[in-house]
Amino acid sequence: MAAVHVEPTDAASVRKQLRGLLLGGQSRLHMAKESRRRQRLLASFLLDSGLPVFLYRCSSQVRPRDAIVRRLAMDAYTFGAARLVLEQDATTSESDARIIYDVAHSGNRTPSLRYEHLPARSEPLLWLPDMAAWMWNSSKYRGPTPFEIVWA
């Protein structure tokens, strides 16, 4: 799973830049559906943005997403994130919400993190992790990936 940190003060500007990359008729950017030329352009956009990218990985074969979401939520609290947004997926949203709730109410945390599942078409910032994950996993991309690897 990929995560990209965007400061709240930069979010509106980054959203505007991302929307500016849409082609006519597109409601979202999705690397798997882009041409090679566009994939390179979008990869360059992410790299040039300087935004911190984190790739969450898990060696466990038993519920790896749960472990990754738990670590992501813990990191969001540790770093003082104001908002955590995951792409909406009917098969994982309920489990994700339970895990994030458990993290929020464990230890001495004040549940101040705003958490949401949103469709990618409604939150352009969700396009950034898609770009990062594609860059990391694609055999078509051969450029640099200066991303931080986080093990859950």
Protein backbone atom coordinates (compact mmCIF):
# COMPACT_ATOMS: atom_id res chain seq x y z
CA MET A 1 0.00 0.00 0.00
CA ALA A 2 1.30 3.45 -0.84
CA ALA A 3 0.77 6.62 1.17
CA VAL A 4 1.66 10.18 0.28
CA HIS A 5 1.90 12.92 2.90
CA VAL A 6 0.39 16.25 1.86
CA GLU A 7 0.42 19.13 4.33
CA PRO A 8 -3.07 20.59 4.88
CA THR A 9 -1.79 23.99 3.75
CA ASP A 10 -0.69 22.48 0.41
CA ALA A 11 -3.69 20.22 -0.22
CA ALA A 12 -5.79 22.68 -2.26
CA SER A 13 -2.86 23.56 -4.52
CA VAL A 14 -1.90 19.92 -5.10
CA ARG A 15 -5.54 19.02 -5.85
CA LYS A 16 -5.69 21.83 -8.41
CA GLN A 17 -2.47 20.66 -10.07
CA LEU A 18 -3.76 17.08 -10.21
CA ARG A 19 -7.08 18.12 -11.73
CA GLY A 20 -5.08 20.05 -14.31
CA LEU A 21 -3.54 16.76 -15.43
CA LEU A 22 -6.92 15.23 -16.31
CA LEU A 23 -7.69 14.70 -19.97
CA GLY A 24 -11.12 15.45 -21.42
CA GLY A 25 -13.65 12.93 -20.17
CA GLN A 26 -11.49 11.66 -17.29
CA SER A 27 -12.96 11.75 -13.79
CA ARG A 28 -9.72 10.58 -12.15
CA LEU A 29 -6.14 9.64 -12.86
CA HIS A 30 -5.42 5.91 -12.74
CA MET A 31 -2.00 4.76 -13.90
CA ALA A 32 -3.17 1.42 -15.26
CA LYS A 33 -5.48 3.23 -17.69
CA GLU A 34 -2.96 5.79 -18.93
CA SER A 35 -0.75 5.62 -22.02
CA ARG A 36 2.98 5.08 -21.50
CA ARG A 37 3.66 8.72 -22.28
CA ARG A 38 1.10 9.83 -19.69
CA GLN A 39 2.45 7.33 -17.17
CA ARG A 40 5.91 8.91 -17.51
CA LEU A 41 4.40 12.40 -17.21
CA LEU A 42 2.47 11.47 -14.06
CA ALA A 43 5.48 9.71 -12.52
CA SER A 44 7.53 12.86 -13.15
CA PHE A 45 4.80 14.95 -11.54
CA LEU A 46 4.96 12.88 -8.36
CA LEU A 47 8.75 12.88 -8.23
CA ASP A 48 8.98 16.61 -8.97
CA SER A 49 6.37 17.42 -6.31
CA GLY A 50 8.81 16.50 -3.54
CA LEU A 51 5.96 15.02 -1.52
CA PRO A 52 7.03 12.29 0.91
CA VAL A 53 5.95 8.85 -0.33
CA PHE A 54 5.76 5.80 1.91
CA LEU A 55 5.36 2.24 0.66
CA TYR A 56 3.85 0.01 3.31
CA ARG A 57 4.78 -3.64 2.99
CA CYS A 58 4.04 -6.70 5.07
CA SER A 59 5.77 -10.06 5.09
CA SER A 60 2.82 -11.81 6.74
CA GLN A 61 0.49 -13.77 4.51
CA VAL A 62 -2.26 -13.64 7.15
CA ARG A 63 -4.35 -10.48 6.73
CA PRO A 64 -1.51 -8.29 5.46
CA ARG A 65 -3.83 -5.36 4.73
CA ASP A 66 -4.93 -5.28 8.37
CA ALA A 67 -1.30 -5.09 9.53
CA ILE A 68 -0.54 -2.36 7.01
CA VAL A 69 -3.61 -0.27 7.91
CA ARG A 70 -2.73 -0.61 11.61
CA ARG A 71 0.83 0.60 10.97
CA LEU A 72 -0.39 3.41 8.70
CA ALA A 73 -2.85 4.61 11.38
CA MET A 74 -0.18 4.43 14.08
CA ASP A 75 2.18 6.44 11.88
CA ALA A 76 -0.55 9.00 11.16
CA TYR A 77 -0.98 9.56 14.90
CA THR A 78 2.75 9.58 15.55
CA PHE A 79 3.37 12.22 12.90
CA GLY A 80 0.36 14.32 13.95
CA ALA A 81 -1.60 13.92 10.72
CA ALA A 82 -4.89 15.82 10.65
CA ARG A 83 -6.59 13.53 8.14
CA LEU A 84 -6.21 9.99 6.84
CA VAL A 85 -8.03 9.11 3.62
CA LEU A 86 -8.14 5.65 2.10
CA GLU A 87 -9.65 4.75 -1.23
CA GLN A 88 -13.16 3.43 -0.80
CA ASP A 89 -13.48 -0.31 -1.24
CA ALA A 90 -16.61 -2.10 -0.06
CA THR A 91 -14.60 -5.24 0.78
CA THR A 92 -12.19 -3.51 3.17
CA SER A 93 -13.82 -0.31 4.46
CA GLU A 94 -15.44 -1.89 7.52
CA SER A 95 -12.28 -3.71 8.59
CA ASP A 96 -10.15 -0.59 8.00
CA ALA A 97 -12.51 1.52 10.11
CA ARG A 98 -12.40 -0.99 12.98
CA ILE A 99 -8.59 -1.10 12.93
CA ILE A 100 -8.25 2.70 12.83
CA TYR A 101 -10.77 3.02 15.67
CA ASP A 102 -8.77 0.52 17.74
CA VAL A 103 -5.54 2.42 17.09
CA ALA A 104 -7.23 5.74 17.94
CA HIS A 105 -8.46 4.42 21.28
CA SER A 106 -5.32 2.59 22.34
CA GLY A 107 -2.63 4.06 24.55
CA ASN A 108 -2.97 7.71 25.49
CA ARG A 109 -4.09 8.95 22.09
CA THR A 110 -6.66 11.65 21.66
CA PRO A 111 -8.79 10.53 18.71
CA SER A 112 -8.18 13.75 16.74
CA LEU A 113 -7.31 12.13 13.42
CA ARG A 114 -10.09 12.56 10.86
CA TYR A 115 -10.44 9.33 8.92
CA GLU A 116 -12.42 8.72 5.74
CA HIS A 117 -12.89 6.25 2.91
CA LEU A 118 -13.58 8.15 -0.31
CA PRO A 119 -13.94 7.20 -3.97
CA ALA A 120 -10.80 8.17 -5.89
CA ARG A 121 -12.79 10.29 -8.32
CA SER A 122 -13.87 12.58 -5.45
CA GLU A 123 -10.45 13.09 -3.83
CA PRO A 124 -7.60 13.85 -6.24
CA LEU A 125 -5.00 13.35 -3.50
CA LEU A 126 -5.81 9.61 -3.70
CA TRP A 127 -4.35 9.60 -7.21
CA LEU A 128 -0.88 10.16 -5.73
CA PRO A 129 -0.61 6.78 -3.96
CA ASP A 130 -1.84 5.12 -7.15
CA MET A 131 1.04 6.78 -9.02
CA ALA A 132 3.54 5.66 -6.38
CA ALA A 133 2.28 2.07 -6.27
CA TRP A 134 2.37 1.85 -10.05
CA MET A 135 5.93 3.21 -10.14
CA TRP A 136 7.05 0.69 -7.54
CA ASN A 137 5.30 -2.33 -9.07
CA SER A 138 5.37 -1.67 -12.80
CA SER A 139 7.85 -3.34 -15.06
CA LYS A 140 7.14 -0.45 -17.48
CA TYR A 141 8.70 2.14 -15.18
CA ARG A 142 12.47 2.17 -14.93
CA GLY A 143 13.12 5.50 -13.24
CA PRO A 144 14.01 6.42 -9.67
CA THR A 145 11.68 5.62 -6.78
CA PRO A 146 13.00 7.57 -3.78
CA PHE A 147 10.24 6.24 -1.56
CA GLU A 148 10.52 5.21 2.07
CA ILE A 149 9.74 1.54 2.68
CA VAL A 150 7.79 0.89 5.89
CA TRP A 151 7.33 -2.65 7.18
CA ALA A 152 4.15 -3.50 9.04
